[in-house]
Amino acid sequence: LPISVVGVLALGAGVEAWAAKDDGSKVTITSPAQGAKVGSDVEIVYDLTKGSDATHAHCFVDGEYQKGWKGTVKGMSPGTHEIKVIAADKDHQTLAAEASVKVEVQ
């Protein structure tokens, strides 16, 4: 009997489970701290140690890609949010290196 695939398992916003290549990169978020109370706009300070393919990083809030992100996440609603920074290559493909923090927007 033939087997057909109906869907693709995705981890959110175009990040597919098998697509994350480990190129040796490392990402660390230095600010805000885990559990920090922040305003609706928050600057994300991170360190990216580039592996063989990483050229920059992408930011996601609650799994949603922050297009045009320049270091500050803007307009978050009150409540708990997960901010994730993921290494990306020159073609904007995300890599395995990532870091995340949960913050409380006042």
PDB file of N, CA and C in Angstrom:
ATOM      1  N   LEU A   1       0.826  -1.192   0.000  1.00  0.00           N
ATOM      2  CA  LEU A   1       0.000   0.000   0.000  1.00  0.00           C
ATOM      3  C   LEU A   1       0.869   1.254   0.000  1.00  0.00           C
ATOM      4  N   PRO A   2       0.592   2.216  -0.864  1.00  0.00           N
ATOM      5  CA  PRO A   2       1.356   3.471  -0.863  1.00  0.00           C
ATOM      6  C   PRO A   2       0.978   4.337   0.337  1.00  0.00           C
ATOM      7  N   ILE A   3       1.930   5.095   0.803  1.00  0.00           N
ATOM      8  CA  ILE A   3       1.699   6.013   1.915  1.00  0.00           C
ATOM      9  C   ILE A   3       1.856   7.430   1.375  1.00  0.00           C
ATOM     10  N   SER A   4       0.881   8.274   1.676  1.00  0.00           N
ATOM     11  CA  SER A   4       1.001   9.669   1.233  1.00  0.00           C
ATOM     12  C   SER A   4       1.143  10.579   2.439  1.00  0.00           C
ATOM     13  N   VAL A   5       1.957  11.608   2.275  1.00  0.00           N
ATOM     14  CA  VAL A   5       2.179  12.587   3.335  1.00  0.00           C
ATOM     15  C   VAL A   5       1.214  13.742   3.121  1.00  0.00           C
ATOM     16  N   VAL A   6       0.455  14.071   4.157  1.00  0.00           N
ATOM     17  CA  VAL A   6      -0.564  15.099   4.042  1.00  0.00           C
ATOM     18  C   VAL A   6      -0.061  16.459   4.502  1.00  0.00           C
ATOM     19  N   GLY A   7       0.810  16.515   5.493  1.00  0.00           N
ATOM     20  CA  GLY A   7       1.263  17.802   6.022  1.00  0.00           C
ATOM     21  C   GLY A   7       2.737  17.750   6.378  1.00  0.00           C
ATOM     22  N   VAL A   8       3.240  18.872   6.853  1.00  0.00           N
ATOM     23  CA  VAL A   8       4.634  18.967   7.265  1.00  0.00           C
ATOM     24  C   VAL A   8       4.655  19.397   8.721  1.00  0.00           C
ATOM     25  N   LEU A   9       5.402  18.671   9.540  1.00  0.00           N
ATOM     26  CA  LEU A   9       5.561  19.057  10.937  1.00  0.00           C
ATOM     27  C   LEU A   9       6.439  20.301  10.990  1.00  0.00           C
ATOM     28  N   ALA A  10       5.904  21.385  11.522  1.00  0.00           N
ATOM     29  CA  ALA A  10       6.685  22.623  11.626  1.00  0.00           C
ATOM     30  C   ALA A  10       6.703  23.071  13.074  1.00  0.00           C
ATOM     31  N   LEU A  11       7.785  23.701  13.474  1.00  0.00           N
ATOM     32  CA  LEU A  11       7.939  24.205  14.835  1.00  0.00           C
ATOM     33  C   LEU A  11       7.464  25.643  14.956  1.00  0.00           C
ATOM     34  N   GLY A  12       6.942  26.186  13.886  1.00  0.00           N
ATOM     35  CA  GLY A  12       6.408  27.552  13.907  1.00  0.00           C
ATOM     36  C   GLY A  12       7.132  28.445  12.925  1.00  0.00           C
ATOM     37  N   ALA A  13       6.421  29.344  12.323  1.00  0.00           N
ATOM     38  CA  ALA A  13       6.943  30.404  11.453  1.00  0.00           C
ATOM     39  C   ALA A  13       8.036  29.938  10.501  1.00  0.00           C
ATOM     40  N   GLY A  14       7.804  28.836   9.813  1.00  0.00           N
ATOM     41  CA  GLY A  14       8.741  28.395   8.786  1.00  0.00           C
ATOM     42  C   GLY A  14       9.944  27.625   9.305  1.00  0.00           C
ATOM     43  N   VAL A  15       9.966  27.297  10.586  1.00  0.00           N
ATOM     44  CA  VAL A  15      11.083  26.531  11.128  1.00  0.00           C
ATOM     45  C   VAL A  15      10.665  25.062  11.128  1.00  0.00           C
ATOM     46  N   GLU A  16      11.170  24.310  10.174  1.00  0.00           N
ATOM     47  CA  GLU A  16      10.791  22.908  10.061  1.00  0.00           C
ATOM     48  C   GLU A  16      11.713  22.050  10.902  1.00  0.00           C
ATOM     49  N   ALA A  17      11.173  20.970  11.447  1.00  0.00           N
ATOM     50  CA  ALA A  17      11.890  20.130  12.404  1.00  0.00           C
ATOM     51  C   ALA A  17      13.214  19.614  11.856  1.00  0.00           C
ATOM     52  N   TRP A  18      13.291  19.280  10.581  1.00  0.00           N
ATOM     53  CA  TRP A  18      14.509  18.691  10.040  1.00  0.00           C
ATOM     54  C   TRP A  18      15.396  19.723   9.335  1.00  0.00           C
ATOM     55  N   ALA A  19      15.001  20.982   9.324  1.00  0.00           N
ATOM     56  CA  ALA A  19      15.720  21.990   8.551  1.00  0.00           C
ATOM     57  C   ALA A  19      16.866  22.654   9.315  1.00  0.00           C
ATOM     58  N   ALA A  20      16.942  22.477  10.623  1.00  0.00           N
ATOM     59  CA  ALA A  20      17.925  23.211  11.423  1.00  0.00           C
ATOM     60  C   ALA A  20      19.290  22.529  11.397  1.00  0.00           C
ATOM     61  N   LYS A  21      20.192  23.065  10.589  1.00  0.00           N
ATOM     62  CA  LYS A  21      21.548  22.539  10.465  1.00  0.00           C
ATOM     63  C   LYS A  21      22.389  23.041  11.637  1.00  0.00           C
ATOM     64  N   ASP A  22      23.174  22.146  12.234  1.00  0.00           N
ATOM     65  CA  ASP A  22      24.093  22.543  13.299  1.00  0.00           C
ATOM     66  C   ASP A  22      25.443  22.840  12.676  1.00  0.00           C
ATOM     67  N   ASP A  23      25.754  24.142  12.552  1.00  0.00           N
ATOM     68  CA  ASP A  23      27.018  24.554  11.929  1.00  0.00           C
ATOM     69  C   ASP A  23      28.062  24.934  12.972  1.00  0.00           C
ATOM     70  N   GLY A  24      27.775  24.663  14.243  1.00  0.00           N
ATOM     71  CA  GLY A  24      28.698  24.999  15.312  1.00  0.00           C
ATOM     72  C   GLY A  24      28.471  26.376  15.912  1.00  0.00           C
ATOM     73  N   SER A  25      27.438  27.085  15.461  1.00  0.00           N
ATOM     74  CA  SER A  25      27.131  28.416  16.009  1.00  0.00           C
ATOM     75  C   SER A  25      26.585  28.283  17.431  1.00  0.00           C
ATOM     76  N   LYS A  26      26.673  29.398  18.175  1.00  0.00           N
ATOM     77  CA  LYS A  26      26.099  29.461  19.521  1.00  0.00           C
ATOM     78  C   LYS A  26      25.426  30.820  19.678  1.00  0.00           C
ATOM     79  N   VAL A  27      24.259  30.834  20.348  1.00  0.00           N
ATOM     80  CA  VAL A  27      23.529  32.072  20.617  1.00  0.00           C
ATOM     81  C   VAL A  27      23.259  32.154  22.117  1.00  0.00           C
ATOM     82  N   THR A  28      23.498  33.335  22.690  1.00  0.00           N
ATOM     83  CA  THR A  28      23.197  33.594  24.096  1.00  0.00           C
ATOM     84  C   THR A  28      22.485  34.940  24.182  1.00  0.00           C
ATOM     85  N   ILE A  29      21.343  34.978  24.879  1.00  0.00           N
ATOM     86  CA  ILE A  29      20.654  36.246  25.123  1.00  0.00           C
ATOM     87  C   ILE A  29      21.171  36.783  26.459  1.00  0.00           C
ATOM     88  N   THR A  30      21.760  37.991  26.437  1.00  0.00           N
ATOM     89  CA  THR A  30      22.300  38.581  27.660  1.00  0.00           C
ATOM     90  C   THR A  30      21.322  39.543  28.321  1.00  0.00           C
ATOM     91  N   SER A  31      20.352  40.055  27.560  1.00  0.00           N
ATOM     92  CA  SER A  31      19.320  40.929  28.108  1.00  0.00           C
ATOM     93  C   SER A  31      18.129  40.923  27.163  1.00  0.00           C
ATOM     94  N   PRO A  32      16.921  40.823  27.698  1.00  0.00           N
ATOM     95  CA  PRO A  32      16.538  40.812  29.101  1.00  0.00           C
ATOM     96  C   PRO A  32      16.813  39.450  29.751  1.00  0.00           C
ATOM     97  N   ALA A  33      16.815  39.433  31.068  1.00  0.00           N
ATOM     98  CA  ALA A  33      17.028  38.197  31.817  1.00  0.00           C
ATOM     99  C   ALA A  33      15.759  37.346  31.787  1.00  0.00           C
ATOM    100  N   GLN A  34      15.930  36.062  32.004  1.00  0.00           N
ATOM    101  CA  GLN A  34      14.795  35.134  32.112  1.00  0.00           C
ATOM    102  C   GLN A  34      13.827  35.656  33.176  1.00  0.00           C
ATOM    103  N   GLY A  35      12.542  35.794  32.833  1.00  0.00           N
ATOM    104  CA  GLY A  35      11.517  36.217  33.776  1.00  0.00           C
ATOM    105  C   GLY A  35      11.465  37.715  34.045  1.00  0.00           C
ATOM    106  N   ALA A  36      12.237  38.506  33.296  1.00  0.00           N
ATOM    107  CA  ALA A  36      12.276  39.959  33.519  1.00  0.00           C
ATOM    108  C   ALA A  36      10.918  40.594  33.264  1.00  0.00           C
ATOM    109  N   LYS A  37      10.623  41.641  34.033  1.00  0.00           N
ATOM    110  CA  LYS A  37       9.436  42.463  33.803  1.00  0.00           C
ATOM    111  C   LYS A  37       9.872  43.604  32.889  1.00  0.00           C
ATOM    112  N   VAL A  38       9.205  43.712  31.738  1.00  0.00           N
ATOM    113  CA  VAL A  38       9.620  44.669  30.710  1.00  0.00           C
ATOM    114  C   VAL A  38       8.422  45.473  30.212  1.00  0.00           C
ATOM    115  N   GLY A  39       8.713  46.520  29.439  1.00  0.00           N
ATOM    116  CA  GLY A  39       7.664  47.299  28.800  1.00  0.00           C
ATOM    117  C   GLY A  39       7.280  46.654  27.472  1.00  0.00           C
ATOM    118  N   SER A  40       6.403  47.300  26.725  1.00  0.00           N
ATOM    119  CA  SER A  40       5.935  46.722  25.454  1.00  0.00           C
ATOM    120  C   SER A  40       7.023  46.719  24.384  1.00  0.00           C
ATOM    121  N   ASP A  41       8.031  47.596  24.536  1.00  0.00           N
ATOM    122  CA  ASP A  41       9.183  47.612  23.633  1.00  0.00           C
ATOM    123  C   ASP A  41      10.395  47.183  24.452  1.00  0.00           C
ATOM    124  N   VAL A  42      11.167  46.222  23.948  1.00  0.00           N
ATOM    125  CA  VAL A  42      12.334  45.753  24.702  1.00  0.00           C
ATOM    126  C   VAL A  42      13.495  45.471  23.755  1.00  0.00           C
ATOM    127  N   GLU A  43      14.665  45.984  24.131  1.00  0.00           N
ATOM    128  CA  GLU A  43      15.873  45.732  23.354  1.00  0.00           C
ATOM    129  C   GLU A  43      16.392  44.346  23.704  1.00  0.00           C
ATOM    130  N   ILE A  44      16.703  43.563  22.672  1.00  0.00           N
ATOM    131  CA  ILE A  44      17.248  42.227  22.861  1.00  0.00           C
ATOM    132  C   ILE A  44      18.750  42.305  22.625  1.00  0.00           C
ATOM    133  N   VAL A  45      19.524  42.016  23.664  1.00  0.00           N
ATOM    134  CA  VAL A  45      20.976  42.011  23.553  1.00  0.00           C
ATOM    135  C   VAL A  45      21.409  40.548  23.546  1.00  0.00           C
ATOM    136  N   TYR A  46      22.156  40.156  22.512  1.00  0.00           N
ATOM    137  CA  TYR A  46      22.543  38.757  22.384  1.00  0.00           C
ATOM    138  C   TYR A  46      23.960  38.656  21.847  1.00  0.00           C
ATOM    139  N   ASP A  47      24.564  37.508  22.085  1.00  0.00           N
ATOM    140  CA  ASP A  47      25.876  37.186  21.518  1.00  0.00           C
ATOM    141  C   ASP A  47      25.677  36.056  20.517  1.00  0.00           C
ATOM    142  N   LEU A  48      26.217  36.229  19.317  1.00  0.00           N
ATOM    143  CA  LEU A  48      26.184  35.190  18.291  1.00  0.00           C
ATOM    144  C   LEU A  48      27.619  34.805  17.975  1.00  0.00           C
ATOM    145  N   THR A  49      27.977  33.578  18.309  1.00  0.00           N
ATOM    146  CA  THR A  49      29.269  33.028  17.910  1.00  0.00           C
ATOM    147  C   THR A  49      29.007  32.286  16.613  1.00  0.00           C
ATOM    148  N   LYS A  50      29.522  32.831  15.519  1.00  0.00           N
ATOM    149  CA  LYS A  50      29.202  32.296  14.195  1.00  0.00           C
ATOM    150  C   LYS A  50      29.973  31.017  13.905  1.00  0.00           C
ATOM    151  N   GLY A  51      29.236  30.007  13.466  1.00  0.00           N
ATOM    152  CA  GLY A  51      29.843  28.762  13.016  1.00  0.00           C
ATOM    153  C   GLY A  51      30.180  28.886  11.537  1.00  0.00           C
ATOM    154  N   SER A  52      30.159  27.782  10.838  1.00  0.00           N
ATOM    155  CA  SER A  52      30.563  27.766   9.431  1.00  0.00           C
ATOM    156  C   SER A  52      29.581  28.478   8.503  1.00  0.00           C
ATOM    157  N   ASP A  53      28.298  28.584   8.887  1.00  0.00           N
ATOM    158  CA  ASP A  53      27.293  29.154   7.988  1.00  0.00           C
ATOM    159  C   ASP A  53      26.590  30.409   8.513  1.00  0.00           C
ATOM    160  N   ALA A  54      26.592  30.638   9.802  1.00  0.00           N
ATOM    161  CA  ALA A  54      25.816  31.749  10.378  1.00  0.00           C
ATOM    162  C   ALA A  54      26.375  33.104   9.937  1.00  0.00           C
ATOM    163  N   THR A  55      25.461  34.003   9.575  1.00  0.00           N
ATOM    164  CA  THR A  55      25.848  35.373   9.230  1.00  0.00           C
ATOM    165  C   THR A  55      25.118  36.398  10.098  1.00  0.00           C
ATOM    166  N   HIS A  56      23.981  36.006  10.682  1.00  0.00           N
ATOM    167  CA  HIS A  56      23.165  36.920  11.477  1.00  0.00           C
ATOM    168  C   HIS A  56      22.168  36.104  12.284  1.00  0.00           C
ATOM    169  N   ALA A  57      21.232  36.781  12.946  1.00  0.00           N
ATOM    170  CA  ALA A  57      20.223  36.079  13.749  1.00  0.00           C
ATOM    171  C   ALA A  57      18.831  36.597  13.419  1.00  0.00           C
ATOM    172  N   HIS A  58      17.846  35.746  13.620  1.00  0.00           N
ATOM    173  CA  HIS A  58      16.435  36.107  13.476  1.00  0.00           C
ATOM    174  C   HIS A  58      15.802  36.089  14.860  1.00  0.00           C
ATOM    175  N   CYS A  59      14.758  36.879  15.040  1.00  0.00           N
ATOM    176  CA  CYS A  59      14.045  36.944  16.310  1.00  0.00           C
ATOM    177  C   CYS A  59      12.598  36.494  16.111  1.00  0.00           C
ATOM    178  N   PHE A  60      12.109  35.744  17.093  1.00  0.00           N
ATOM    179  CA  PHE A  60      10.731  35.275  17.099  1.00  0.00           C
ATOM    180  C   PHE A  60      10.117  35.632  18.448  1.00  0.00           C
ATOM    181  N   VAL A  61       8.873  36.083  18.459  1.00  0.00           N
ATOM    182  CA  VAL A  61       8.132  36.317  19.696  1.00  0.00           C
ATOM    183  C   VAL A  61       6.930  35.395  19.660  1.00  0.00           C
ATOM    184  N   ASP A  62       6.849  34.517  20.642  1.00  0.00           N
ATOM    185  CA  ASP A  62       5.767  33.530  20.714  1.00  0.00           C
ATOM    186  C   ASP A  62       5.646  32.750  19.400  1.00  0.00           C
ATOM    187  N   GLY A  63       6.803  32.426  18.804  1.00  0.00           N
ATOM    188  CA  GLY A  63       6.833  31.646  17.571  1.00  0.00           C
ATOM    189  C   GLY A  63       6.625  32.445  16.301  1.00  0.00           C
ATOM    190  N   GLU A  64       6.385  33.751  16.410  1.00  0.00           N
ATOM    191  CA  GLU A  64       6.128  34.588  15.232  1.00  0.00           C
ATOM    192  C   GLU A  64       7.396  35.351  14.832  1.00  0.00           C
ATOM    193  N   TYR A  65       7.810  35.162  13.582  1.00  0.00           N
ATOM    194  CA  TYR A  65       9.001  35.815  13.053  1.00  0.00           C
ATOM    195  C   TYR A  65       8.843  37.333  13.088  1.00  0.00           C
ATOM    196  N   GLN A  66       9.865  38.023  13.580  1.00  0.00           N
ATOM    197  CA  GLN A  66       9.847  39.485  13.671  1.00  0.00           C
ATOM    198  C   GLN A  66      10.563  40.076  12.462  1.00  0.00           C
ATOM    199  N   LYS A  67       9.821  40.231  11.373  1.00  0.00           N
ATOM    200  CA  LYS A  67      10.399  40.736  10.125  1.00  0.00           C
ATOM    201  C   LYS A  67      10.936  42.147  10.324  1.00  0.00           C
ATOM    202  N   GLY A  68      12.141  42.388   9.821  1.00  0.00           N
ATOM    203  CA  GLY A  68      12.748  43.703   9.925  1.00  0.00           C
ATOM    204  C   GLY A  68      13.320  44.014  11.297  1.00  0.00           C
ATOM    205  N   TRP A  69      13.443  43.009  12.157  1.00  0.00           N
ATOM    206  CA  TRP A  69      13.969  43.195  13.518  1.00  0.00           C
ATOM    207  C   TRP A  69      15.363  43.782  13.480  1.00  0.00           C
ATOM    208  N   LYS A  70      15.569  44.859  14.226  1.00  0.00           N
ATOM    209  CA  LYS A  70      16.869  45.537  14.285  1.00  0.00           C
ATOM    210  C   LYS A  70      17.417  45.554  15.702  1.00  0.00           C
ATOM    211  N   GLY A  71      16.931  44.665  16.573  1.00  0.00           N
ATOM    212  CA  GLY A  71      17.441  44.581  17.938  1.00  0.00           C
ATOM    213  C   GLY A  71      16.410  44.907  18.997  1.00  0.00           C
ATOM    214  N   THR A  72      15.326  45.602  18.629  1.00  0.00           N
ATOM    215  CA  THR A  72      14.277  45.920  19.590  1.00  0.00           C
ATOM    216  C   THR A  72      12.964  45.298  19.138  1.00  0.00           C
ATOM    217  N   VAL A  73      12.326  44.577  20.059  1.00  0.00           N
ATOM    218  CA  VAL A  73      10.988  44.032  19.808  1.00  0.00           C
ATOM    219  C   VAL A  73      10.014  45.111  20.265  1.00  0.00           C
ATOM    220  N   LYS A  74       9.057  45.440  19.400  1.00  0.00           N
ATOM    221  CA  LYS A  74       8.144  46.544  19.697  1.00  0.00           C
ATOM    222  C   LYS A  74       6.695  46.079  19.747  1.00  0.00           C
ATOM    223  N   GLY A  75       5.933  46.736  20.635  1.00  0.00           N
ATOM    224  CA  GLY A  75       4.484  46.565  20.662  1.00  0.00           C
ATOM    225  C   GLY A  75       3.974  45.260  21.237  1.00  0.00           C
ATOM    226  N   MET A  76       4.707  44.665  22.187  1.00  0.00           N
ATOM    227  CA  MET A  76       4.201  43.434  22.800  1.00  0.00           C
ATOM    228  C   MET A  76       3.049  43.765  23.746  1.00  0.00           C
ATOM    229  N   SER A  77       2.056  42.924  23.764  1.00  0.00           N
ATOM    230  CA  SER A  77       0.905  43.119  24.643  1.00  0.00           C
ATOM    231  C   SER A  77       1.249  42.660  26.062  1.00  0.00           C
ATOM    232  N   PRO A  78       0.516  43.139  27.072  1.00  0.00           N
ATOM    233  CA  PRO A  78       0.766  42.707  28.443  1.00  0.00           C
ATOM    234  C   PRO A  78       0.629  41.189  28.573  1.00  0.00           C
ATOM    235  N   GLY A  79       1.450  40.611  29.446  1.00  0.00           N
ATOM    236  CA  GLY A  79       1.411  39.165  29.674  1.00  0.00           C
ATOM    237  C   GLY A  79       2.782  38.544  29.461  1.00  0.00           C
ATOM    238  N   THR A  80       2.819  37.212  29.499  1.00  0.00           N
ATOM    239  CA  THR A  80       4.066  36.473  29.348  1.00  0.00           C
ATOM    240  C   THR A  80       4.326  36.180  27.875  1.00  0.00           C
ATOM    241  N   HIS A  81       5.552  36.424  27.444  1.00  0.00           N
ATOM    242  CA  HIS A  81       5.934  36.173  26.057  1.00  0.00           C
ATOM    243  C   HIS A  81       7.285  35.468  26.008  1.00  0.00           C
ATOM    244  N   GLU A  82       7.460  34.592  25.014  1.00  0.00           N
ATOM    245  CA  GLU A  82       8.745  33.952  24.785  1.00  0.00           C
ATOM    246  C   GLU A  82       9.439  34.656  23.629  1.00  0.00           C
ATOM    247  N   ILE A  83      10.655  35.119  23.885  1.00  0.00           N
ATOM    248  CA  ILE A  83      11.477  35.742  22.851  1.00  0.00           C
ATOM    249  C   ILE A  83      12.594  34.766  22.520  1.00  0.00           C
ATOM    250  N   LYS A  84      12.749  34.452  21.239  1.00  0.00           N
ATOM    251  CA  LYS A  84      13.753  33.485  20.803  1.00  0.00           C
ATOM    252  C   LYS A  84      14.626  34.125  19.735  1.00  0.00           C
ATOM    253  N   VAL A  85      15.936  33.923  19.845  1.00  0.00           N
ATOM    254  CA  VAL A  85      16.891  34.389  18.850  1.00  0.00           C
ATOM    255  C   VAL A  85      17.531  33.147  18.247  1.00  0.00           C
ATOM    256  N   ILE A  86      17.497  33.055  16.917  1.00  0.00           N
ATOM    257  CA  ILE A  86      17.991  31.868  16.202  1.00  0.00           C
ATOM    258  C   ILE A  86      19.008  32.302  15.156  1.00  0.00           C
ATOM    259  N   ALA A  87      20.142  31.627  15.123  1.00  0.00           N
ATOM    260  CA  ALA A  87      21.164  31.899  14.106  1.00  0.00           C
ATOM    261  C   ALA A  87      20.598  31.599  12.726  1.00  0.00           C
ATOM    262  N   ALA A  88      21.043  32.382  11.727  1.00  0.00           N
ATOM    263  CA  ALA A  88      20.587  32.180  10.349  1.00  0.00           C
ATOM    264  C   ALA A  88      21.762  32.355   9.393  1.00  0.00           C
ATOM    265  N   ASP A  89      21.633  31.737   8.204  1.00  0.00           N
ATOM    266  CA  ASP A  89      22.704  31.832   7.208  1.00  0.00           C
ATOM    267  C   ASP A  89      22.418  32.960   6.210  1.00  0.00           C
ATOM    268  N   LYS A  90      23.286  33.110   5.220  1.00  0.00           N
ATOM    269  CA  LYS A  90      23.153  34.202   4.247  1.00  0.00           C
ATOM    270  C   LYS A  90      21.853  34.130   3.457  1.00  0.00           C
ATOM    271  N   ASP A  91      21.259  32.934   3.360  1.00  0.00           N
ATOM    272  CA  ASP A  91      19.992  32.760   2.650  1.00  0.00           C
ATOM    273  C   ASP A  91      18.791  32.855   3.598  1.00  0.00           C
ATOM    274  N   HIS A  92      19.035  33.276   4.845  1.00  0.00           N
ATOM    275  CA  HIS A  92      18.008  33.445   5.881  1.00  0.00           C
ATOM    276  C   HIS A  92      17.417  32.122   6.357  1.00  0.00           C
ATOM    277  N   GLN A  93      18.109  31.010   6.112  1.00  0.00           N
ATOM    278  CA  GLN A  93      17.666  29.722   6.640  1.00  0.00           C
ATOM    279  C   GLN A  93      18.121  29.636   8.093  1.00  0.00           C
ATOM    280  N   THR A  94      17.197  29.274   8.991  1.00  0.00           N
ATOM    281  CA  THR A  94      17.571  29.175  10.395  1.00  0.00           C
ATOM    282  C   THR A  94      18.449  27.953  10.624  1.00  0.00           C
ATOM    283  N   LEU A  95      19.323  28.093  11.607  1.00  0.00           N
ATOM    284  CA  LEU A  95      20.256  27.032  11.982  1.00  0.00           C
ATOM    285  C   LEU A  95      19.863  26.485  13.351  1.00  0.00           C
ATOM    286  N   ALA A  96      20.610  25.509  13.847  1.00  0.00           N
ATOM    287  CA  ALA A  96      20.247  24.857  15.103  1.00  0.00           C
ATOM    288  C   ALA A  96      20.477  25.737  16.329  1.00  0.00           C
ATOM    289  N   ALA A  97      21.416  26.668  16.264  1.00  0.00           N
ATOM    290  CA  ALA A  97      21.756  27.499  17.427  1.00  0.00           C
ATOM    291  C   ALA A  97      20.616  28.458  17.750  1.00  0.00           C
ATOM    292  N   GLU A  98      20.161  28.421  18.996  1.00  0.00           N
ATOM    293  CA  GLU A  98      19.090  29.309  19.418  1.00  0.00           C
ATOM    294  C   GLU A  98      19.153  29.524  20.922  1.00  0.00           C
ATOM    295  N   ALA A  99      18.540  30.614  21.360  1.00  0.00           N
ATOM    296  CA  ALA A  99      18.407  30.914  22.782  1.00  0.00           C
ATOM    297  C   ALA A  99      17.044  31.552  22.973  1.00  0.00           C
ATOM    298  N   SER A 100      16.453  31.372  24.154  1.00  0.00           N
ATOM    299  CA  SER A 100      15.157  31.985  24.398  1.00  0.00           C
ATOM    300  C   SER A 100      15.031  32.431  25.858  1.00  0.00           C
ATOM    301  N   VAL A 101      14.193  33.423  26.062  1.00  0.00           N
ATOM    302  CA  VAL A 101      13.836  33.896  27.395  1.00  0.00           C
ATOM    303  C   VAL A 101      12.338  34.154  27.426  1.00  0.00           C
ATOM    304  N   LYS A 102      11.764  33.971  28.600  1.00  0.00           N
ATOM    305  CA  LYS A 102      10.368  34.367  28.802  1.00  0.00           C
ATOM    306  C   LYS A 102      10.384  35.637  29.612  1.00  0.00           C
ATOM    307  N   VAL A 103       9.585  36.612  29.171  1.00  0.00           N
ATOM    308  CA  VAL A 103       9.497  37.893  29.851  1.00  0.00           C
ATOM    309  C   VAL A 103       8.040  38.205  30.192  1.00  0.00           C
ATOM    310  N   GLU A 104       7.853  39.090  31.159  1.00  0.00           N
ATOM    311  CA  GLU A 104       6.519  39.517  31.559  1.00  0.00           C
ATOM    312  C   GLU A 104       6.364  40.979  31.175  1.00  0.00           C
ATOM    313  N   VAL A 105       5.484  41.242  30.193  1.00  0.00           N
ATOM    314  CA  VAL A 105       5.235  42.621  29.760  1.00  0.00           C
ATOM    315  C   VAL A 105       4.207  43.220  30.711  1.00  0.00           C
ATOM    316  N   GLN A 106       4.571  44.354  31.288  1.00  0.00           N
ATOM    317  CA  GLN A 106       3.718  45.045  32.278  1.00  0.00           C
ATOM    318  C   GLN A 106       2.589  45.809  31.595  1.00  0.00           C
TER     319      GLN A 106
END
